[in-house]
Structure formats: structure tokens, C-alpha cells
C-alpha atoms as a PDB file:
ATOM      1  CA  MET A   1      22.951 -30.271  43.516  1.00  0.00           C
ATOM      2  CA  HIS A   2      19.877 -29.126  42.364  1.00  0.00           C
ATOM      3  CA  ILE A   3      19.893 -28.067  38.230  1.00  0.00           C
ATOM      4  CA  PRO A   4      18.163 -24.889  37.613  1.00  0.00           C
ATOM      5  CA  ASP A   5      15.562 -24.407  34.972  1.00  0.00           C
ATOM      6  CA  GLY A   6      17.362 -23.337  30.872  1.00  0.00           C
ATOM      7  CA  PHE A   7      21.000 -25.701  32.156  1.00  0.00           C
ATOM      8  CA  LEU A   8      20.316 -27.929  30.099  1.00  0.00           C
ATOM      9  CA  ASP A   9      19.432 -28.306  26.660  1.00  0.00           C
ATOM     10  CA  ALA A  10      16.095 -30.176  25.022  1.00  0.00           C
ATOM     11  CA  LYS A  11      17.634 -33.145  24.290  1.00  0.00           C
ATOM     12  CA  THR A  12      18.793 -33.692  27.840  1.00  0.00           C
ATOM     13  CA  TRP A  13      15.897 -32.340  29.215  1.00  0.00           C
ATOM     14  CA  MET A  14      13.867 -34.609  27.179  1.00  0.00           C
ATOM     15  CA  THR A  15      15.282 -37.579  28.127  1.00  0.00           C
ATOM     16  CA  THR A  16      15.699 -37.411  31.227  1.00  0.00           C
ATOM     17  CA  THR A  17      12.469 -36.555  31.828  1.00  0.00           C
ATOM     18  CA  ALA A  18      11.552 -39.388  29.910  1.00  0.00           C
ATOM     19  CA  ALA A  19      13.839 -41.772  32.188  1.00  0.00           C
ATOM     20  CA  GLY A  20      13.412 -40.455  35.508  1.00  0.00           C
ATOM     21  CA  ALA A  21       9.333 -41.094  34.576  1.00  0.00           C
ATOM     22  CA  GLY A  22      10.037 -44.752  33.878  1.00  0.00           C
ATOM     23  CA  VAL A  23      12.437 -45.202  37.044  1.00  0.00           C
ATOM     24  CA  LEU A  24       9.914 -43.898  38.937  1.00  0.00           C
ATOM     25  CA  ALA A  25       6.792 -45.277  38.051  1.00  0.00           C
ATOM     26  CA  TYR A  26       8.795 -49.238  38.434  1.00  0.00           C
ATOM     27  CA  ALA A  27      10.033 -47.779  41.615  1.00  0.00           C
ATOM     28  CA  LEU A  28       6.286 -47.378  43.215  1.00  0.00           C
ATOM     29  CA  LYS A  29       5.210 -50.302  40.611  1.00  0.00           C
ATOM     30  CA  LYS A  30       7.562 -52.658  42.766  1.00  0.00           C
ATOM     31  CA  SER A  31       7.724 -50.922  46.372  1.00  0.00           C
ATOM     32  CA  GLN A  32       3.758 -51.872  46.603  1.00  0.00           C
ATOM     33  CA  VAL A  33       5.121 -55.356  46.414  1.00  0.00           C
ATOM     34  CA  GLN A  34       7.874 -55.143  47.997  1.00  0.00           C
ATOM     35  CA  LEU A  35       6.660 -52.851  51.325  1.00  0.00           C
ATOM     36  CA  PRO A  36       5.198 -53.814  54.255  1.00  0.00           C
ATOM     37  CA  GLY A  37       3.104 -51.028  55.438  1.00  0.00           C
ATOM     38  CA  LYS A  38       4.191 -51.138  59.098  1.00  0.00           C
ATOM     39  CA  LYS A  39       7.632 -49.533  57.634  1.00  0.00           C
ATOM     40  CA  VAL A  40       5.410 -46.292  56.029  1.00  0.00           C
ATOM     41  CA  PRO A  41       5.281 -44.307  58.789  1.00  0.00           C
ATOM     42  CA  MET A  42       9.168 -44.472  59.068  1.00  0.00           C
ATOM     43  CA  ILE A  43       9.505 -43.832  55.357  1.00  0.00           C
ATOM     44  CA  ALA A  44       7.826 -40.610  55.948  1.00  0.00           C
ATOM     45  CA  LEU A  45      10.039 -39.780  58.972  1.00  0.00           C
ATOM     46  CA  VAL A  46      12.876 -39.981  56.865  1.00  0.00           C
ATOM     47  CA  GLY A  47      12.014 -38.271  54.270  1.00  0.00           C
ATOM     48  CA  SER A  48      10.750 -35.349  56.214  1.00  0.00           C
ATOM     49  CA  PHE A  49      14.092 -35.265  57.914  1.00  0.00           C
ATOM     50  CA  ILE A  50      16.082 -35.669  54.344  1.00  0.00           C
ATOM     51  CA  PHE A  51      13.533 -32.908  52.948  1.00  0.00           C
ATOM     52  CA  ALA A  52      14.492 -30.704  56.111  1.00  0.00           C
ATOM     53  CA  ALA A  53      18.171 -31.300  55.375  1.00  0.00           C
ATOM     54  CA  GLN A  54      18.234 -30.703  51.809  1.00  0.00           C
ATOM     55  CA  MET A  55      16.083 -27.137  52.290  1.00  0.00           C
ATOM     56  CA  ILE A  56      19.907 -26.024  53.727  1.00  0.00           C
ATOM     57  CA  ASN A  57      22.497 -25.157  50.474  1.00  0.00           C
ATOM     58  CA  PHE A  58      24.804 -22.749  49.179  1.00  0.00           C
ATOM     59  CA  PRO A  59      25.855 -22.014  46.119  1.00  0.00           C
ATOM     60  CA  VAL A  60      28.455 -24.347  43.690  1.00  0.00           C
ATOM     61  CA  ALA A  61      30.144 -23.378  40.305  1.00  0.00           C
ATOM     62  CA  GLY A  62      28.069 -23.237  37.191  1.00  0.00           C
ATOM     63  CA  ALA A  63      25.091 -22.323  39.492  1.00  0.00           C
ATOM     64  CA  THR A  64      24.332 -25.620  41.246  1.00  0.00           C
ATOM     65  CA  SER A  65      23.900 -26.032  44.883  1.00  0.00           C
ATOM     66  CA  GLY A  66      25.424 -28.005  47.309  1.00  0.00           C
ATOM     67  CA  HIS A  67      23.652 -29.619  50.309  1.00  0.00           C
ATOM     68  CA  PHE A  68      22.728 -33.002  51.600  1.00  0.00           C
ATOM     69  CA  LEU A  69      21.405 -35.419  49.221  1.00  0.00           C
ATOM     70  CA  GLY A  70      19.875 -38.564  52.217  1.00  0.00           C
ATOM     71  CA  GLY A  71      19.354 -40.984  49.676  1.00  0.00           C
ATOM     72  CA  THR A  72      21.822 -43.356  50.805  1.00  0.00           C
ATOM     73  CA  LEU A  73      20.262 -42.896  54.361  1.00  0.00           C
ATOM     74  CA  ALA A  74      17.368 -44.280  52.800  1.00  0.00           C
ATOM     75  CA  SER A  75      18.387 -47.217  50.520  1.00  0.00           C
ATOM     76  CA  ILE A  76      20.147 -48.198  53.720  1.00  0.00           C
ATOM     77  CA  LEU A  77      17.070 -48.520  55.733  1.00  0.00           C
ATOM     78  CA  PHE A  78      14.415 -49.799  53.362  1.00  0.00           C
ATOM     79  CA  GLY A  79      16.167 -50.048  49.569  1.00  0.00           C
ATOM     80  CA  PRO A  80      17.838 -47.848  46.634  1.00  0.00           C
ATOM     81  CA  LEU A  81      13.781 -48.636  44.648  1.00  0.00           C
ATOM     82  CA  VAL A  82      12.815 -46.766  48.172  1.00  0.00           C
ATOM     83  CA  GLY A  83      14.899 -44.134  48.480  1.00  0.00           C
ATOM     84  CA  VAL A  84      14.468 -43.062  44.842  1.00  0.00           C
ATOM     85  CA  ILE A  85      10.527 -42.751  45.655  1.00  0.00           C
ATOM     86  CA  ILE A  86      11.922 -40.714  48.877  1.00  0.00           C
ATOM     87  CA  MET A  87      14.329 -38.035  46.883  1.00  0.00           C
ATOM     88  CA  ALA A  88      11.579 -37.516  43.620  1.00  0.00           C
ATOM     89  CA  ALA A  89       8.892 -36.557  46.034  1.00  0.00           C
ATOM     90  CA  VAL A  90      11.202 -34.458  48.344  1.00  0.00           C
ATOM     91  CA  LEU A  91      12.774 -32.783  44.208  1.00  0.00           C
ATOM     92  CA  ILE A  92       8.902 -31.966  43.416  1.00  0.00           C
ATOM     93  CA  ILE A  93       7.684 -30.489  46.180  1.00  0.00           C
ATOM     94  CA  GLN A  94      10.700 -29.052  46.037  1.00  0.00           C
ATOM     95  CA  ALA A  95      11.157 -27.456  42.763  1.00  0.00           C
ATOM     96  CA  PHE A  96       7.026 -27.049  42.013  1.00  0.00           C
ATOM     97  CA  LEU A  97       6.523 -24.959  46.025  1.00  0.00           C
ATOM     98  CA  PHE A  98       9.845 -23.680  46.878  1.00  0.00           C
ATOM     99  CA  GLN A  99      11.148 -23.327  42.914  1.00  0.00           C
ATOM    100  CA  ASP A 100      14.735 -24.708  44.390  1.00  0.00           C
ATOM    101  CA  GLY A 101      15.758 -27.236  41.065  1.00  0.00           C
ATOM    102  CA  GLY A 102      14.197 -26.937  38.052  1.00  0.00           C
ATOM    103  CA  VAL A 103      10.704 -27.568  36.837  1.00  0.00           C
ATOM    104  CA  THR A 104      11.581 -28.766  33.173  1.00  0.00           C
ATOM    105  CA  VAL A 105      14.846 -30.550  34.503  1.00  0.00           C
ATOM    106  CA  LEU A 106      13.322 -32.724  37.535  1.00  0.00           C
ATOM    107  CA  GLY A 107      13.669 -35.731  35.813  1.00  0.00           C
ATOM    108  CA  ALA A 108      17.669 -35.211  34.971  1.00  0.00           C
ATOM    109  CA  ASN A 109      17.845 -34.446  38.811  1.00  0.00           C
ATOM    110  CA  ILE A 110      16.013 -37.285  39.574  1.00  0.00           C
ATOM    111  CA  VAL A 111      17.624 -39.085  38.099  1.00  0.00           C
ATOM    112  CA  CYS A 112      21.460 -37.541  39.397  1.00  0.00           C
ATOM    113  CA  THR A 113      20.462 -37.195  42.953  1.00  0.00           C
ATOM    114  CA  GLY A 114      17.708 -40.348  43.523  1.00  0.00           C
ATOM    115  CA  VAL A 115      18.382 -42.856  41.048  1.00  0.00           C
ATOM    116  CA  ILE A 116      22.978 -42.478  40.789  1.00  0.00           C
ATOM    117  CA  GLY A 117      23.075 -41.201  44.308  1.00  0.00           C
ATOM    118  CA  CYS A 118      20.603 -44.188  45.703  1.00  0.00           C
ATOM    119  CA  TYR A 119      22.283 -46.609  44.158  1.00  0.00           C
ATOM    120  CA  ALA A 120      26.042 -45.903  43.812  1.00  0.00           C
ATOM    121  CA  GLY A 121      25.630 -45.766  48.001  1.00  0.00           C
ATOM    122  CA  TYR A 122      23.901 -48.857  48.128  1.00  0.00           C
ATOM    123  CA  GLY A 123      25.680 -50.283  46.140  1.00  0.00           C
ATOM    124  CA  VAL A 124      29.120 -49.376  48.356  1.00  0.00           C
ATOM    125  CA  TYR A 125      26.989 -50.080  51.919  1.00  0.00           C
ATOM    126  CA  ARG A 126      26.346 -53.679  50.578  1.00  0.00           C
ATOM    127  CA  ALA A 127      30.088 -54.287  48.493  1.00  0.00           C
ATOM    128  CA  GLY A 128      31.546 -53.136  52.023  1.00  0.00           C
ATOM    129  CA  MET A 129      28.953 -54.734  54.134  1.00  0.00           C
ATOM    130  CA  LYS A 130      29.829 -58.326  52.644  1.00  0.00           C
ATOM    131  CA  LEU A 131      33.538 -57.849  53.032  1.00  0.00           C
ATOM    132  CA  LEU A 132      33.760 -56.142  56.087  1.00  0.00           C
ATOM    133  CA  GLY A 133      30.573 -57.576  57.972  1.00  0.00           C
ATOM    134  CA  GLU A 134      29.410 -55.352  61.062  1.00  0.00           C
ATOM    135  CA  ARG A 135      32.731 -53.960  62.585  1.00  0.00           C
ATOM    136  CA  PHE A 136      32.994 -51.652  60.529  1.00  0.00           C
ATOM    137  CA  ARG A 137      29.396 -50.528  59.882  1.00  0.00           C
ATOM    138  CA  PHE A 138      30.201 -47.504  60.014  1.00  0.00           C
ATOM    139  CA  ALA A 139      33.657 -46.752  58.340  1.00  0.00           C
ATOM    140  CA  VAL A 140      31.142 -48.476  55.538  1.00  0.00           C
ATOM    141  CA  THR A 141      28.690 -46.142  55.697  1.00  0.00           C
ATOM    142  CA  PHE A 142      30.581 -42.922  55.850  1.00  0.00           C
ATOM    143  CA  LEU A 143      31.887 -44.369  52.440  1.00  0.00           C
ATOM    144  CA  ALA A 144      28.341 -44.733  51.561  1.00  0.00           C
ATOM    145  CA  GLY A 145      26.992 -41.776  51.277  1.00  0.00           C
ATOM    146  CA  TRP A 146      30.910 -39.614  50.467  1.00  0.00           C
ATOM    147  CA  CYS A 147      30.147 -42.402  47.298  1.00  0.00           C
ATOM    148  CA  SER A 148      26.577 -41.327  46.399  1.00  0.00           C
ATOM    149  CA  ILE A 149      26.925 -37.712  46.411  1.00  0.00           C
ATOM    150  CA  VAL A 150      30.001 -37.485  43.979  1.00  0.00           C
ATOM    151  CA  ALA A 151      28.371 -40.102  41.942  1.00  0.00           C
ATOM    152  CA  ALA A 152      25.630 -37.644  41.699  1.00  0.00           C
ATOM    153  CA  ALA A 153      27.809 -34.676  41.296  1.00  0.00           C
ATOM    154  CA  ALA A 154      29.427 -36.777  37.832  1.00  0.00           C
ATOM    155  CA  GLY A 155      25.711 -37.457  36.956  1.00  0.00           C
ATOM    156  CA  VAL A 156      25.807 -33.288  36.492  1.00  0.00           C
ATOM    157  CA  ALA A 157      28.039 -33.149  35.683  1.00  0.00           C
ATOM    158  CA  ALA A 158      27.956 -35.470  32.528  1.00  0.00           C
ATOM    159  CA  LEU A 159      24.212 -34.245  31.662  1.00  0.00           C
ATOM    160  CA  LEU A 160      25.553 -30.336  31.226  1.00  0.00           C
ATOM    161  CA  VAL A 161      28.408 -31.833  28.998  1.00  0.00           C
ATOM    162  CA  TRP A 162      26.135 -33.204  26.236  1.00  0.00           C
ATOM    163  CA  SER A 163      24.501 -29.935  26.725  1.00  0.00           C
ATOM    164  CA  GLY A 164      27.253 -28.109  25.359  1.00  0.00           C
ATOM    165  CA  TYR A 165      29.536 -26.966  27.873  1.00  0.00           C
ATOM    166  CA  PRO A 166      33.354 -27.444  28.727  1.00  0.00           C
ATOM    167  CA  ALA A 167      33.656 -30.233  30.153  1.00  0.00           C
ATOM    168  CA  GLN A 168      36.695 -30.002  31.883  1.00  0.00           C
ATOM    169  CA  SER A 169      34.876 -26.725  33.929  1.00  0.00           C
ATOM    170  CA  VAL A 170      32.318 -28.599  34.338  1.00  0.00           C
ATOM    171  CA  VAL A 171      33.984 -31.648  36.399  1.00  0.00           C
ATOM    172  CA  SER A 172      36.250 -29.738  38.031  1.00  0.00           C
ATOM    173  CA  ALA A 173      33.364 -27.547  39.478  1.00  0.00           C
ATOM    174  CA  MET A 174      30.813 -30.312  39.798  1.00  0.00           C
ATOM    175  CA  VAL A 175      33.309 -33.791  41.277  1.00  0.00           C
ATOM    176  CA  GLY A 176      36.028 -31.471  43.151  1.00  0.00           C
ATOM    177  CA  TRP A 177      33.362 -29.146  45.208  1.00  0.00           C
ATOM    178  CA  HIS A 178      31.193 -32.236  45.804  1.00  0.00           C
ATOM    179  CA  SER A 179      34.219 -34.332  46.782  1.00  0.00           C
ATOM    180  CA  LEU A 180      34.217 -31.818  49.669  1.00  0.00           C
ATOM    181  CA  ILE A 181      30.822 -32.453  50.230  1.00  0.00           C
ATOM    182  CA  GLY A 182      30.055 -35.957  50.929  1.00  0.00           C
ATOM    183  CA  ILE A 183      32.874 -35.308  53.727  1.00  0.00           C
ATOM    184  CA  GLY A 184      29.660 -33.835  55.133  1.00  0.00           C
ATOM    185  CA  GLU A 185      27.464 -36.365  53.405  1.00  0.00           C
ATOM    186  CA  GLY A 186      29.219 -39.473  54.568  1.00  0.00           C
ATOM    187  CA  THR A 187      29.189 -38.266  58.178  1.00  0.00           C
ATOM    188  CA  ILE A 188      25.604 -37.866  58.719  1.00  0.00           C
ATOM    189  CA  THR A 189      24.593 -40.923  56.832  1.00  0.00           C
ATOM    190  CA  ALA A 190      26.800 -42.296  59.645  1.00  0.00           C
ATOM    191  CA  LEU A 191      25.637 -40.504  62.536  1.00  0.00           C
ATOM    192  CA  VAL A 192      22.340 -40.820  61.714  1.00  0.00           C
ATOM    193  CA  ALA A 193      22.397 -44.783  60.753  1.00  0.00           C
ATOM    194  CA  ALA A 194      24.993 -44.828  64.324  1.00  0.00           C
ATOM    195  CA  TYR A 195      21.585 -43.219  65.469  1.00  0.00           C
ATOM    196  CA  LEU A 196      18.515 -45.361  64.891  1.00  0.00           C
ATOM    197  CA  ALA A 197      21.032 -48.607  65.824  1.00  0.00           C
ATOM    198  CA  GLU A 198      21.661 -47.332  69.639  1.00  0.00           C
ATOM    199  CA  ARG A 199      17.719 -46.679  69.055  1.00  0.00           C
ATOM    200  CA  LYS A 200      16.732 -50.433  68.599  1.00  0.00           C
ATOM    201  CA  VAL A 201      16.201 -49.415  64.857  1.00  0.00           C
ATOM    202  CA  GLU A 202      15.950 -52.295  62.538  1.00  0.00           C
ATOM    203  CA  ILE A 203      18.654 -51.739  60.364  1.00  0.00           C
ATOM    204  CA  PRO A 204      19.158 -54.491  57.106  1.00  0.00           C
ATOM    205  CA  ARG A 205      22.735 -55.622  56.998  1.00  0.00           C
ATOM    206  CA  GLU A 206      21.640 -55.488  53.434  1.00  0.00           C
ATOM    207  CA  ALA A 207      18.575 -54.280  51.609  1.00  0.00           C
ATOM    208  CA  GLU A 208      17.270 -55.649  48.734  1.00  0.00           C
ATOM    209  CA  ALA A 209      17.972 -53.812  45.485  1.00  0.00           C
ATOM    210  CA  ALA A 210      15.259 -54.175  43.462  1.00  0.00           C
END
């Protein structure tokens, strides 16, 4: 899912850099008010898990890569604002220390995998829990994870098309492949959430959106 340097034109990466920086600044400011200090160790633990899981990736057509995102898991546990912060931190470390994802397109990666991925997954989870309730939490969590990675892939495809790439091939490569990868995303998200629930870790039925 990481976009490398050189794949987005100037207008696209500059716009998404501004957007990504703005959203991250807002998330940091709001989370200072909303986030209890006792959750910080758990946030660090989940962030470390997401970082390690994201390091296992494989190439997808168009020089992008597919891997576990983890934004839905973070958003279910802490809300999507904190999810965006976790994803941004992971992406920044990967870009600067491991050259996994470009530096000039860091904002684009934050917007797609952080903002779109977290809020899409959170939205599906929240709606599903309202409609179906606790009995179907595993299925709802799976669907939320699947939707998050497909939505993030669609965001990447949109940015590539905006940069001049042919729409049909880009959408087919990104959304098509990530529809399959999303099965793994949904499964891992649901299993980890179920494991945490078994260990009596509080999993909110609905986390605060903003």
C-alpha cells in the first residue's frame, strides 16, 4: 500500500502533504484533550504490533505493496483520531528508517492508509455494532477490516489517476488485489480483537470519532 517517491506528480503530493499535516496536527491536538493517560502504554503496544505486522509486505502491480494496515484495530480500541496518529507514526518511521514508502509522498500515505483506512474501518464497525449488536462483533470487525483496506487502496488509486495514470489499470490493480488482501486484514483484525476481549481488555462498542 505504500506509495514510493516519484509516483505522484507535484500537485498531488504537495496537496496531500498539506492535507496529511493538517489532519495529523488536528488529531494530536484533540487526542491530548480526549485521551486518558492510562491508555498510553496500550497505544504504544498496539502501535508496535502494527509496525511489526506492516513490515511483512509483498509487491502488487504498479510498484506499490500490499500488507496488513491495522488502522481499524487501532480505531476500534482508541478511536479513529488516535488510529491516525498511530498510522502516521508507523509510516514516518518506515519512510525515514527503512525506505518503505516515499518521503515526498508521506502525506499521501498518511491520507490513504491513515485517514481513509481508519475512518472507513471505524465507520463500518460503528454502524455494524449499532445494527447487529454484540453477538455479531467478530463478523462486524472482520467486515470493518476488509472495508478499511479496500477504501485505502481506492484512495491510492484515486491519487495515481489524479497524477495521470490510466484509471482502469490502476483501479483494477489496487482495488482488485486489495479486495483479496482485505480478507487477511479482516481476519487478523477480528482475531486480535477477539483475543483482547478474552483477556478482558476493554473494547468499546463505539469509540469516540473526533
